[in-house]
Amino acid sequence: MGKNQHVVQREEGWAVRGAGNKRDTSHHPTQAAAIDAARDIARNQQSELVIHDREGKFRDRNSYGNDPFPTKG
């Protein structure tokens, strides 16, 4: 399983950063663009996408593989 991908705000837009990384993976002008990029990475690595709001607080989370709580049925 890969590193969780975090979408966080920066001075000039939004960034994608892998959990535990010292540097951002990519920078984007909008949160939507950053989410799209992070989603692609999370799907490829079968990890989670963690979205933060403008204040840096947790906003949403999506799992793309190895879900600890699989749905029944």
Protein backbone atom coordinates (compact mmCIF):
# COMPACT_ATOMS: atom_id res chain seq x y z
CA MET A 1 0.00 0.00 0.00
CA GLY A 2 1.28 3.48 -0.91
CA LYS A 3 1.40 6.68 1.07
CA ASN A 4 -1.80 8.57 1.76
CA GLN A 5 -2.10 11.66 -0.45
CA HIS A 6 -2.98 14.95 1.22
CA VAL A 7 -4.47 18.00 -0.53
CA VAL A 8 -3.40 21.13 1.33
CA GLN A 9 -3.56 24.87 0.68
CA ARG A 10 -0.44 26.85 -0.13
CA GLU A 11 0.17 30.59 -0.60
CA GLU A 12 -0.35 30.37 -4.34
CA GLY A 13 -2.97 27.62 -4.66
CA TRP A 14 -3.16 24.01 -3.59
CA ALA A 15 -0.66 21.17 -3.30
CA VAL A 16 -0.57 17.38 -3.19
CA ARG A 17 1.79 15.88 -0.63
CA GLY A 18 2.40 12.23 0.20
CA ALA A 19 2.16 11.41 3.91
CA GLY A 20 5.55 11.82 5.56
CA ASN A 21 7.14 13.55 2.55
CA LYS A 22 9.20 16.68 3.15
CA ARG A 23 8.27 18.20 -0.22
CA ASP A 24 5.03 18.62 -2.15
CA THR A 25 4.44 16.23 -5.02
CA SER A 26 2.69 18.83 -7.19
CA HIS A 27 1.11 22.30 -7.13
CA HIS A 28 -2.23 23.37 -8.63
CA PRO A 29 -4.18 26.63 -9.04
CA THR A 30 -7.41 25.18 -7.58
CA GLN A 31 -8.37 22.67 -4.93
CA ALA A 32 -10.36 20.71 -7.53
CA ALA A 33 -7.26 20.30 -9.72
CA ALA A 34 -5.21 19.17 -6.73
CA ILE A 35 -7.91 16.67 -5.74
CA ASP A 36 -7.94 15.20 -9.26
CA ALA A 37 -4.16 14.78 -9.23
CA ALA A 38 -4.13 13.30 -5.72
CA ARG A 39 -6.98 10.92 -6.61
CA ASP A 40 -4.97 9.55 -9.55
CA ILE A 41 -1.95 8.95 -7.31
CA ALA A 42 -4.08 7.38 -4.55
CA ARG A 43 -5.75 5.02 -7.04
CA ASN A 44 -2.39 4.04 -8.51
CA GLN A 45 -0.88 3.40 -5.07
CA GLN A 46 -4.08 1.93 -3.58
CA SER A 47 -3.95 4.43 -0.73
CA GLU A 48 -6.19 7.13 0.72
CA LEU A 49 -6.91 10.67 -0.39
CA VAL A 50 -7.13 13.13 2.51
CA ILE A 51 -8.56 16.58 1.73
CA HIS A 52 -7.89 19.54 4.02
CA ASP A 53 -9.81 22.83 4.09
CA ARG A 54 -8.31 26.34 3.87
CA GLU A 55 -7.42 26.29 7.58
CA GLY A 56 -5.65 22.94 7.24
CA LYS A 57 -8.37 20.99 9.05
CA PHE A 58 -9.57 17.61 7.84
CA ARG A 59 -12.44 18.00 5.36
CA ASP A 60 -12.90 14.64 3.63
CA ARG A 61 -11.26 11.27 3.04
CA ASN A 62 -11.59 8.69 0.27
CA SER A 63 -10.08 5.22 0.16
CA TYR A 64 -8.80 3.72 -3.10
CA GLY A 65 -7.88 0.17 -2.17
CA ASN A 66 -7.23 -1.84 0.95
CA ASP A 67 -10.24 -0.26 2.63
CA PRO A 68 -10.19 -1.20 6.33
CA PHE A 69 -14.01 -1.16 6.37
CA PRO A 70 -15.23 -2.94 3.20
CA THR A 71 -18.93 -2.72 2.47
CA LYS A 72 -21.03 -5.86 2.68
CA GLY A 73 -23.06 -7.17 -0.23
